[in-house]
All heavy atoms as atom14 arrays in JSON, in Angstrom:
{
  "sequence": "YTIDRDMTDMWDIFVAIGKQRGCLESGGNVNFDKVSDIVIRDLRT",
  "atom14_mask": [
    [1, 1, 1, 1, 1, 1, 1, 1, 1, 1, 1, 1, 0, 0],
    [1, 1, 1, 1, 1, 1, 1, 0, 0, 0, 0, 0, 0, 0],
    [1, 1, 1, 1, 1, 1, 1, 1, 0, 0, 0, 0, 0, 0],
    [1, 1, 1, 1, 1, 1, 1, 1, 0, 0, 0, 0, 0, 0],
    [1, 1, 1, 1, 1, 1, 1, 1, 1, 1, 1, 0, 0, 0],
    [1, 1, 1, 1, 1, 1, 1, 1, 0, 0, 0, 0, 0, 0],
    [1, 1, 1, 1, 1, 1, 1, 1, 0, 0, 0, 0, 0, 0],
    [1, 1, 1, 1, 1, 1, 1, 0, 0, 0, 0, 0, 0, 0],
    [1, 1, 1, 1, 1, 1, 1, 1, 0, 0, 0, 0, 0, 0],
    [1, 1, 1, 1, 1, 1, 1, 1, 0, 0, 0, 0, 0, 0],
    [1, 1, 1, 1, 1, 1, 1, 1, 1, 1, 1, 1, 1, 1],
    [1, 1, 1, 1, 1, 1, 1, 1, 0, 0, 0, 0, 0, 0],
    [1, 1, 1, 1, 1, 1, 1, 1, 0, 0, 0, 0, 0, 0],
    [1, 1, 1, 1, 1, 1, 1, 1, 1, 1, 1, 0, 0, 0],
    [1, 1, 1, 1, 1, 1, 1, 0, 0, 0, 0, 0, 0, 0],
    [1, 1, 1, 1, 1, 0, 0, 0, 0, 0, 0, 0, 0, 0],
    [1, 1, 1, 1, 1, 1, 1, 1, 0, 0, 0, 0, 0, 0],
    [1, 1, 1, 1, 0, 0, 0, 0, 0, 0, 0, 0, 0, 0],
    [1, 1, 1, 1, 1, 1, 1, 1, 1, 0, 0, 0, 0, 0],
    [1, 1, 1, 1, 1, 1, 1, 1, 1, 0, 0, 0, 0, 0],
    [1, 1, 1, 1, 1, 1, 1, 1, 1, 1, 1, 0, 0, 0],
    [1, 1, 1, 1, 0, 0, 0, 0, 0, 0, 0, 0, 0, 0],
    [1, 1, 1, 1, 1, 1, 0, 0, 0, 0, 0, 0, 0, 0],
    [1, 1, 1, 1, 1, 1, 1, 1, 0, 0, 0, 0, 0, 0],
    [1, 1, 1, 1, 1, 1, 1, 1, 1, 0, 0, 0, 0, 0],
    [1, 1, 1, 1, 1, 1, 0, 0, 0, 0, 0, 0, 0, 0],
    [1, 1, 1, 1, 0, 0, 0, 0, 0, 0, 0, 0, 0, 0],
    [1, 1, 1, 1, 0, 0, 0, 0, 0, 0, 0, 0, 0, 0],
    [1, 1, 1, 1, 1, 1, 1, 1, 0, 0, 0, 0, 0, 0],
    [1, 1, 1, 1, 1, 1, 1, 0, 0, 0, 0, 0, 0, 0],
    [1, 1, 1, 1, 1, 1, 1, 1, 0, 0, 0, 0, 0, 0],
    [1, 1, 1, 1, 1, 1, 1, 1, 1, 1, 1, 0, 0, 0],
    [1, 1, 1, 1, 1, 1, 1, 1, 0, 0, 0, 0, 0, 0],
    [1, 1, 1, 1, 1, 1, 1, 1, 1, 0, 0, 0, 0, 0],
    [1, 1, 1, 1, 1, 1, 1, 0, 0, 0, 0, 0, 0, 0],
    [1, 1, 1, 1, 1, 1, 0, 0, 0, 0, 0, 0, 0, 0],
    [1, 1, 1, 1, 1, 1, 1, 1, 0, 0, 0, 0, 0, 0],
    [1, 1, 1, 1, 1, 1, 1, 1, 0, 0, 0, 0, 0, 0],
    [1, 1, 1, 1, 1, 1, 1, 0, 0, 0, 0, 0, 0, 0],
    [1, 1, 1, 1, 1, 1, 1, 1, 0, 0, 0, 0, 0, 0],
    [1, 1, 1, 1, 1, 1, 1, 1, 1, 1, 1, 0, 0, 0],
    [1, 1, 1, 1, 1, 1, 1, 1, 0, 0, 0, 0, 0, 0],
    [1, 1, 1, 1, 1, 1, 1, 1, 0, 0, 0, 0, 0, 0],
    [1, 1, 1, 1, 1, 1, 1, 1, 1, 1, 1, 0, 0, 0],
    [1, 1, 1, 1, 1, 1, 1, 0, 0, 0, 0, 0, 0, 0]
  ],
  "atom14_positions": [
    [[25.45, 10.05, 9.84], [24.23, 10.06, 10.52], [24.38, 10.12, 12.06], [23.33, 10.06, 12.79], [23.26, 8.93, 10.04], [23.05, 8.97, 8.61], [23.33, 7.87, 7.84], [22.47, 10.1, 8.0], [23.11, 7.89, 6.54], [22.29, 10.03, 6.68], [22.64, 9.01, 5.9], [22.38, 9.03, 4.54], [0.0, 0.0, 0.0], [0.0, 0.0, 0.0]],
    [[25.54, 10.09, 12.58], [25.91, 10.02, 14.01], [25.01, 8.99, 14.8], [24.48, 9.23, 15.82], [25.59, 11.37, 14.72], [24.29, 11.8, 14.5], [26.6, 12.42, 14.11], [0.0, 0.0, 0.0], [0.0, 0.0, 0.0], [0.0, 0.0, 0.0], [0.0, 0.0, 0.0], [0.0, 0.0, 0.0], [0.0, 0.0, 0.0], [0.0, 0.0, 0.0]],
    [[25.04, 7.75, 14.16], [24.33, 6.59, 14.88], [25.38, 5.65, 15.4], [26.53, 5.51, 14.79], [23.4, 5.88, 13.89], [24.1, 5.4, 12.64], [22.21, 6.75, 13.5], [23.29, 4.57, 11.73], [0.0, 0.0, 0.0], [0.0, 0.0, 0.0], [0.0, 0.0, 0.0], [0.0, 0.0, 0.0], [0.0, 0.0, 0.0], [0.0, 0.0, 0.0]],
    [[25.04, 5.03, 16.51], [26.03, 4.08, 16.97], [26.13, 2.93, 16.19], [25.23, 2.29, 15.69], [25.43, 3.58, 18.42], [26.4, 2.84, 19.2], [27.25, 2.16, 18.61], [26.34, 2.86, 20.45], [0.0, 0.0, 0.0], [0.0, 0.0, 0.0], [0.0, 0.0, 0.0], [0.0, 0.0, 0.0], [0.0, 0.0, 0.0], [0.0, 0.0, 0.0]],
    [[27.45, 2.58, 15.82], [27.69, 1.42, 14.87], [27.24, 0.1, 15.45], [27.11, -0.9, 14.73], [29.25, 1.4, 14.59], [30.17, 0.97, 15.68], [31.53, 0.89, 15.15], [31.95, 2.1, 14.62], [33.11, 2.18, 13.76], [33.74, 1.07, 13.48], [33.41, 3.38, 13.35], [0.0, 0.0, 0.0], [0.0, 0.0, 0.0], [0.0, 0.0, 0.0]],
    [[27.03, -0.01, 16.78], [26.54, -1.18, 17.39], [25.06, -1.38, 17.34], [24.45, -2.41, 17.73], [27.02, -1.38, 18.85], [28.53, -1.36, 18.92], [29.21, -1.97, 18.08], [29.03, -0.82, 19.87], [0.0, 0.0, 0.0], [0.0, 0.0, 0.0], [0.0, 0.0, 0.0], [0.0, 0.0, 0.0], [0.0, 0.0, 0.0], [0.0, 0.0, 0.0]],
    [[24.41, -0.44, 16.79], [22.89, -0.43, 16.67], [22.43, -1.38, 15.62], [23.0, -1.3, 14.46], [22.4, 1.09, 16.45], [20.85, 1.18, 16.56], [20.33, 2.89, 16.25], [21.04, 3.68, 17.66], [0.0, 0.0, 0.0], [0.0, 0.0, 0.0], [0.0, 0.0, 0.0], [0.0, 0.0, 0.0], [0.0, 0.0, 0.0], [0.0, 0.0, 0.0]],
    [[21.67, -2.31, 15.83], [21.28, -3.3, 14.87], [19.82, -3.35, 14.44], [19.47, -3.82, 13.42], [21.71, -4.77, 15.41], [21.09, -5.03, 16.64], [23.25, -4.92, 15.61], [0.0, 0.0, 0.0], [0.0, 0.0, 0.0], [0.0, 0.0, 0.0], [0.0, 0.0, 0.0], [0.0, 0.0, 0.0], [0.0, 0.0, 0.0], [0.0, 0.0, 0.0]],
    [[19.0, -2.82, 15.39], [17.58, -2.86, 15.05], [17.25, -1.78, 14.06], [17.52, -0.65, 14.26], [16.76, -2.58, 16.41], [15.23, -2.78, 16.17], [14.68, -1.8, 15.63], [14.7, -3.87, 16.5], [0.0, 0.0, 0.0], [0.0, 0.0, 0.0], [0.0, 0.0, 0.0], [0.0, 0.0, 0.0], [0.0, 0.0, 0.0], [0.0, 0.0, 0.0]],
    [[16.78, -2.22, 12.9], [16.55, -1.32, 11.81], [15.53, -0.28, 12.11], [15.66, 0.92, 11.71], [16.11, -2.04, 10.57], [16.27, -1.29, 9.22], [17.99, -0.66, 8.99], [18.95, -2.15, 8.86], [0.0, 0.0, 0.0], [0.0, 0.0, 0.0], [0.0, 0.0, 0.0], [0.0, 0.0, 0.0], [0.0, 0.0, 0.0], [0.0, 0.0, 0.0]],
    [[14.51, -0.54, 12.88], [13.41, 0.49, 13.34], [14.22, 1.57, 14.21], [14.0, 2.78, 13.87], [12.42, -0.19, 14.19], [11.46, 0.73, 14.76], [11.46, 1.52, 15.79], [10.08, 0.95, 14.14], [10.31, 2.3, 15.97], [9.46, 1.96, 14.91], [9.46, 0.41, 12.96], [8.17, 2.37, 14.64], [8.18, 0.93, 12.72], [7.57, 1.83, 13.58]],
    [[15.13, 1.19, 15.05], [15.8, 2.05, 15.87], [16.73, 3.0, 15.02], [16.95, 4.23, 15.24], [16.66, 1.4, 16.97], [15.74, 0.7, 18.01], [14.61, 1.2, 18.14], [16.25, -0.1, 18.78], [0.0, 0.0, 0.0], [0.0, 0.0, 0.0], [0.0, 0.0, 0.0], [0.0, 0.0, 0.0], [0.0, 0.0, 0.0], [0.0, 0.0, 0.0]],
    [[17.33, 2.35, 13.92], [18.27, 3.11, 13.13], [17.57, 4.14, 12.27], [17.92, 5.38, 12.18], [19.11, 2.1, 12.18], [19.89, 1.25, 13.02], [19.78, 2.94, 11.07], [20.58, 0.17, 12.23], [0.0, 0.0, 0.0], [0.0, 0.0, 0.0], [0.0, 0.0, 0.0], [0.0, 0.0, 0.0], [0.0, 0.0, 0.0], [0.0, 0.0, 0.0]],
    [[16.33, 3.69, 11.8], [15.53, 4.63, 10.99], [15.11, 5.81, 11.84], [15.12, 7.0, 11.44], [14.3, 4.0, 10.4], [14.53, 3.53, 9.01], [15.35, 2.37, 8.82], [13.89, 4.0, 7.91], [15.51, 1.83, 7.57], [14.04, 3.42, 6.73], [14.93, 2.44, 6.43], [0.0, 0.0, 0.0], [0.0, 0.0, 0.0], [0.0, 0.0, 0.0]],
    [[14.67, 5.57, 13.17], [14.23, 6.67, 14.01], [15.49, 7.61, 14.38], [15.27, 8.74, 14.3], [13.67, 5.99, 15.36], [13.5, 7.12, 16.4], [12.44, 5.24, 15.14], [0.0, 0.0, 0.0], [0.0, 0.0, 0.0], [0.0, 0.0, 0.0], [0.0, 0.0, 0.0], [0.0, 0.0, 0.0], [0.0, 0.0, 0.0], [0.0, 0.0, 0.0]],
    [[16.63, 7.01, 14.58], [17.71, 7.74, 14.99], [18.11, 8.75, 13.78], [18.4, 9.96, 13.95], [18.94, 6.92, 15.29], [0.0, 0.0, 0.0], [0.0, 0.0, 0.0], [0.0, 0.0, 0.0], [0.0, 0.0, 0.0], [0.0, 0.0, 0.0], [0.0, 0.0, 0.0], [0.0, 0.0, 0.0], [0.0, 0.0, 0.0], [0.0, 0.0, 0.0]],
    [[18.11, 8.19, 12.64], [18.46, 8.97, 11.4], [17.41, 10.07, 11.15], [17.65, 11.28, 10.87], [18.56, 8.23, 10.21], [19.77, 7.23, 10.26], [18.77, 9.03, 8.86], [19.88, 6.25, 9.13], [0.0, 0.0, 0.0], [0.0, 0.0, 0.0], [0.0, 0.0, 0.0], [0.0, 0.0, 0.0], [0.0, 0.0, 0.0], [0.0, 0.0, 0.0]],
    [[16.11, 9.65, 11.4], [14.97, 10.68, 11.27], [15.05, 11.76, 12.14], [14.79, 13.03, 11.77], [0.0, 0.0, 0.0], [0.0, 0.0, 0.0], [0.0, 0.0, 0.0], [0.0, 0.0, 0.0], [0.0, 0.0, 0.0], [0.0, 0.0, 0.0], [0.0, 0.0, 0.0], [0.0, 0.0, 0.0], [0.0, 0.0, 0.0], [0.0, 0.0, 0.0]],
    [[15.39, 11.54, 13.42], [15.46, 12.54, 14.37], [16.58, 13.5, 14.2], [16.44, 14.75, 14.2], [15.6, 11.96, 15.84], [14.24, 11.35, 16.33], [14.46, 10.79, 17.69], [13.08, 10.25, 18.26], [13.25, 9.73, 19.57], [0.0, 0.0, 0.0], [0.0, 0.0, 0.0], [0.0, 0.0, 0.0], [0.0, 0.0, 0.0], [0.0, 0.0, 0.0]],
    [[17.74, 12.86, 13.65], [18.87, 13.65, 13.39], [18.72, 14.63, 12.22], [19.15, 15.75, 12.1], [20.14, 12.7, 13.08], [21.4, 13.48, 13.13], [22.12, 13.53, 11.72], [21.48, 12.97, 10.8], [23.23, 14.07, 11.69], [0.0, 0.0, 0.0], [0.0, 0.0, 0.0], [0.0, 0.0, 0.0], [0.0, 0.0, 0.0], [0.0, 0.0, 0.0]],
    [[17.87, 14.09, 11.25], [17.66, 14.89, 9.96], [16.28, 15.62, 9.98], [15.99, 16.18, 8.99], [17.77, 13.93, 8.7], [19.07, 13.39, 8.41], [20.09, 14.57, 8.22], [21.34, 14.2, 7.8], [21.72, 14.02, 6.44], [20.79, 14.3, 5.63], [22.92, 13.76, 6.17], [0.0, 0.0, 0.0], [0.0, 0.0, 0.0], [0.0, 0.0, 0.0]],
    [[15.6, 15.53, 11.13], [14.36, 16.36, 11.18], [13.21, 15.81, 10.37], [12.36, 16.58, 9.79], [0.0, 0.0, 0.0], [0.0, 0.0, 0.0], [0.0, 0.0, 0.0], [0.0, 0.0, 0.0], [0.0, 0.0, 0.0], [0.0, 0.0, 0.0], [0.0, 0.0, 0.0], [0.0, 0.0, 0.0], [0.0, 0.0, 0.0], [0.0, 0.0, 0.0]],
    [[13.14, 14.46, 10.11], [12.03, 13.85, 9.39], [10.89, 13.48, 10.34], [10.51, 12.39, 10.49], [12.6, 12.55, 8.71], [14.06, 12.76, 7.62], [0.0, 0.0, 0.0], [0.0, 0.0, 0.0], [0.0, 0.0, 0.0], [0.0, 0.0, 0.0], [0.0, 0.0, 0.0], [0.0, 0.0, 0.0], [0.0, 0.0, 0.0], [0.0, 0.0, 0.0]],
    [[10.39, 14.52, 11.02], [9.32, 14.36, 11.98], [7.99, 14.73, 11.54], [7.83, 15.71, 10.83], [9.67, 15.08, 13.25], [11.08, 14.68, 13.99], [11.36, 15.67, 15.13], [11.02, 13.25, 14.36], [0.0, 0.0, 0.0], [0.0, 0.0, 0.0], [0.0, 0.0, 0.0], [0.0, 0.0, 0.0], [0.0, 0.0, 0.0], [0.0, 0.0, 0.0]],
    [[7.02, 13.93, 11.93], [5.59, 14.33, 11.6], [4.86, 14.91, 12.94], [5.57, 15.0, 13.93], [4.89, 13.16, 11.17], [5.36, 12.47, 9.95], [4.67, 11.18, 9.6], [4.19, 10.51, 10.53], [4.5, 10.84, 8.43], [0.0, 0.0, 0.0], [0.0, 0.0, 0.0], [0.0, 0.0, 0.0], [0.0, 0.0, 0.0], [0.0, 0.0, 0.0]],
    [[3.69, 15.38, 12.77], [3.02, 15.89, 13.94], [2.92, 14.76, 14.99], [2.68, 13.68, 14.6], [1.65, 16.35, 13.55], [0.93, 15.33, 12.95], [0.0, 0.0, 0.0], [0.0, 0.0, 0.0], [0.0, 0.0, 0.0], [0.0, 0.0, 0.0], [0.0, 0.0, 0.0], [0.0, 0.0, 0.0], [0.0, 0.0, 0.0], [0.0, 0.0, 0.0]],
    [[3.12, 15.16, 16.18], [3.22, 14.08, 17.24], [4.6, 13.56, 17.59], [4.77, 12.8, 18.43], [0.0, 0.0, 0.0], [0.0, 0.0, 0.0], [0.0, 0.0, 0.0], [0.0, 0.0, 0.0], [0.0, 0.0, 0.0], [0.0, 0.0, 0.0], [0.0, 0.0, 0.0], [0.0, 0.0, 0.0], [0.0, 0.0, 0.0], [0.0, 0.0, 0.0]],
    [[5.54, 13.99, 16.66], [6.85, 13.63, 16.95], [7.35, 12.32, 16.36], [8.48, 11.83, 16.52], [0.0, 0.0, 0.0], [0.0, 0.0, 0.0], [0.0, 0.0, 0.0], [0.0, 0.0, 0.0], [0.0, 0.0, 0.0], [0.0, 0.0, 0.0], [0.0, 0.0, 0.0], [0.0, 0.0, 0.0], [0.0, 0.0, 0.0], [0.0, 0.0, 0.0]],
    [[6.48, 11.65, 15.52], [6.83, 10.44, 14.94], [7.73, 10.64, 13.8], [7.57, 11.64, 13.03], [5.49, 9.65, 14.45], [4.7, 9.23, 15.64], [5.26, 8.85, 16.69], [3.37, 9.23, 15.48], [0.0, 0.0, 0.0], [0.0, 0.0, 0.0], [0.0, 0.0, 0.0], [0.0, 0.0, 0.0], [0.0, 0.0, 0.0], [0.0, 0.0, 0.0]],
    [[8.67, 9.7, 13.48], [9.57, 9.81, 12.33], [8.89, 9.25, 11.12], [8.24, 8.23, 11.11], [10.85, 8.99, 12.62], [11.68, 8.89, 11.38], [11.63, 9.59, 13.78], [0.0, 0.0, 0.0], [0.0, 0.0, 0.0], [0.0, 0.0, 0.0], [0.0, 0.0, 0.0], [0.0, 0.0, 0.0], [0.0, 0.0, 0.0], [0.0, 0.0, 0.0]],
    [[8.98, 10.05, 10.06], [8.55, 9.63, 8.76], [9.58, 8.86, 8.0], [10.62, 9.36, 7.6], [8.17, 10.9, 7.81], [7.61, 10.48, 6.59], [7.95, 9.6, 5.89], [6.53, 11.29, 6.17], [0.0, 0.0, 0.0], [0.0, 0.0, 0.0], [0.0, 0.0, 0.0], [0.0, 0.0, 0.0], [0.0, 0.0, 0.0], [0.0, 0.0, 0.0]],
    [[9.38, 7.38, 7.98], [10.33, 6.56, 7.37], [10.61, 6.77, 5.95], [11.7, 6.55, 5.42], [9.96, 5.12, 7.74], [10.27, 4.62, 9.13], [10.44, 5.51, 10.14], [10.4, 3.29, 9.43], [10.73, 5.11, 11.42], [10.68, 2.84, 10.66], [10.89, 3.75, 11.67], [0.0, 0.0, 0.0], [0.0, 0.0, 0.0], [0.0, 0.0, 0.0]],
    [[9.52, 7.15, 5.23], [9.73, 7.45, 3.82], [10.72, 8.57, 3.56], [11.54, 8.47, 2.72], [8.3, 7.74, 3.16], [7.44, 6.55, 3.0], [8.02, 5.45, 3.03], [6.24, 6.73, 3.0], [0.0, 0.0, 0.0], [0.0, 0.0, 0.0], [0.0, 0.0, 0.0], [0.0, 0.0, 0.0], [0.0, 0.0, 0.0], [0.0, 0.0, 0.0]],
    [[10.62, 9.65, 4.33], [11.58, 10.75, 4.21], [12.96, 10.21, 4.56], [13.91, 10.74, 3.9], [11.15, 11.86, 5.15], [9.9, 12.63, 4.67], [9.5, 13.77, 5.5], [8.36, 14.55, 4.99], [8.03, 15.8, 5.87], [0.0, 0.0, 0.0], [0.0, 0.0, 0.0], [0.0, 0.0, 0.0], [0.0, 0.0, 0.0], [0.0, 0.0, 0.0]],
    [[13.14, 9.35, 5.58], [14.45, 8.88, 5.86], [15.02, 8.16, 4.75], [16.26, 8.29, 4.36], [14.33, 7.93, 7.19], [15.69, 7.26, 7.4], [13.95, 8.81, 8.41], [0.0, 0.0, 0.0], [0.0, 0.0, 0.0], [0.0, 0.0, 0.0], [0.0, 0.0, 0.0], [0.0, 0.0, 0.0], [0.0, 0.0, 0.0], [0.0, 0.0, 0.0]],
    [[14.24, 7.34, 4.16], [14.62, 6.47, 3.05], [15.13, 7.37, 1.84], [16.08, 7.16, 1.25], [13.48, 5.54, 2.52], [13.01, 4.65, 3.48], [0.0, 0.0, 0.0], [0.0, 0.0, 0.0], [0.0, 0.0, 0.0], [0.0, 0.0, 0.0], [0.0, 0.0, 0.0], [0.0, 0.0, 0.0], [0.0, 0.0, 0.0], [0.0, 0.0, 0.0]],
    [[14.25, 8.44, 1.55], [14.68, 9.39, 0.5], [16.02, 9.97, 0.74], [16.92, 10.12, -0.17], [13.68, 10.51, 0.38], [12.28, 9.98, -0.29], [12.35, 9.05, -1.03], [11.31, 10.61, -0.09], [0.0, 0.0, 0.0], [0.0, 0.0, 0.0], [0.0, 0.0, 0.0], [0.0, 0.0, 0.0], [0.0, 0.0, 0.0], [0.0, 0.0, 0.0]],
    [[16.29, 10.34, 1.95], [17.53, 11.06, 2.36], [18.8, 10.17, 2.22], [19.73, 10.45, 1.6], [17.51, 11.58, 3.87], [16.61, 12.88, 3.93], [18.9, 11.89, 4.33], [16.36, 13.3, 5.27], [0.0, 0.0, 0.0], [0.0, 0.0, 0.0], [0.0, 0.0, 0.0], [0.0, 0.0, 0.0], [0.0, 0.0, 0.0], [0.0, 0.0, 0.0]],
    [[18.6, 8.83, 2.66], [19.76, 7.87, 2.7], [19.97, 7.52, 1.2], [21.18, 7.43, 0.87], [19.42, 6.63, 3.56], [20.48, 5.59, 3.29], [19.28, 7.02, 4.9], [0.0, 0.0, 0.0], [0.0, 0.0, 0.0], [0.0, 0.0, 0.0], [0.0, 0.0, 0.0], [0.0, 0.0, 0.0], [0.0, 0.0, 0.0], [0.0, 0.0, 0.0]],
    [[18.93, 7.23, 0.48], [19.23, 6.8, -0.98], [19.76, 7.94, -1.74], [20.66, 7.77, -2.64], [17.85, 6.33, -1.71], [18.21, 5.27, -2.68], [17.07, 7.42, -2.18], [18.8, 3.91, -2.16], [0.0, 0.0, 0.0], [0.0, 0.0, 0.0], [0.0, 0.0, 0.0], [0.0, 0.0, 0.0], [0.0, 0.0, 0.0], [0.0, 0.0, 0.0]],
    [[19.47, 9.11, -1.52], [19.95, 10.38, -2.19], [21.54, 10.5, -1.82], [22.3, 10.84, -2.63], [19.04, 11.58, -2.0], [19.48, 12.81, -2.81], [18.53, 13.88, -2.67], [18.3, 14.35, -1.27], [17.18, 14.28, -0.68], [16.17, 13.59, -1.24], [17.15, 14.72, 0.6], [0.0, 0.0, 0.0], [0.0, 0.0, 0.0], [0.0, 0.0, 0.0]],
    [[21.71, 10.42, -0.55], [23.09, 10.54, -0.04], [23.98, 9.53, -0.69], [25.18, 9.73, -1.12], [23.16, 10.34, 1.44], [22.61, 11.6, 2.18], [22.51, 12.65, 1.56], [22.48, 11.52, 3.42], [0.0, 0.0, 0.0], [0.0, 0.0, 0.0], [0.0, 0.0, 0.0], [0.0, 0.0, 0.0], [0.0, 0.0, 0.0], [0.0, 0.0, 0.0]],
    [[23.49, 8.26, -0.88], [24.26, 7.17, -1.54], [24.44, 7.54, -2.98], [25.71, 7.42, -3.45], [23.53, 5.86, -1.45], [24.06, 4.67, -2.24], [25.44, 4.28, -1.72], [23.12, 3.52, -2.43], [0.0, 0.0, 0.0], [0.0, 0.0, 0.0], [0.0, 0.0, 0.0], [0.0, 0.0, 0.0], [0.0, 0.0, 0.0], [0.0, 0.0, 0.0]],
    [[23.52, 7.89, -3.68], [23.65, 8.05, -5.13], [24.47, 9.24, -5.55], [25.01, 9.36, -6.63], [22.21, 8.12, -5.73], [21.4, 6.82, -5.66], [20.05, 6.92, -6.21], [19.27, 5.8, -6.06], [17.95, 5.62, -6.36], [17.25, 6.66, -6.71], [17.32, 4.42, -6.2], [0.0, 0.0, 0.0], [0.0, 0.0, 0.0], [0.0, 0.0, 0.0]],
    [[24.46, 10.32, -4.68], [25.25, 11.48, -4.95], [26.62, 11.52, -4.45], [27.41, 12.38, -4.59], [24.47, 12.69, -4.43], [24.32, 12.58, -3.04], [23.19, 12.87, -5.1], [0.0, 0.0, 0.0], [0.0, 0.0, 0.0], [0.0, 0.0, 0.0], [0.0, 0.0, 0.0], [0.0, 0.0, 0.0], [0.0, 0.0, 0.0], [0.0, 0.0, 0.0]]
  ]
}
């Protein structure tokens, strides 16, 4: 996910992954549910 390993705030981590994976809604906000779906699918597969 090209996120800094020193990043600890979970909100910032979700936002970083969401922007990297294009999980954006209108207005540029990150959709955390879509981020969750991506991470859990990546883990399970």
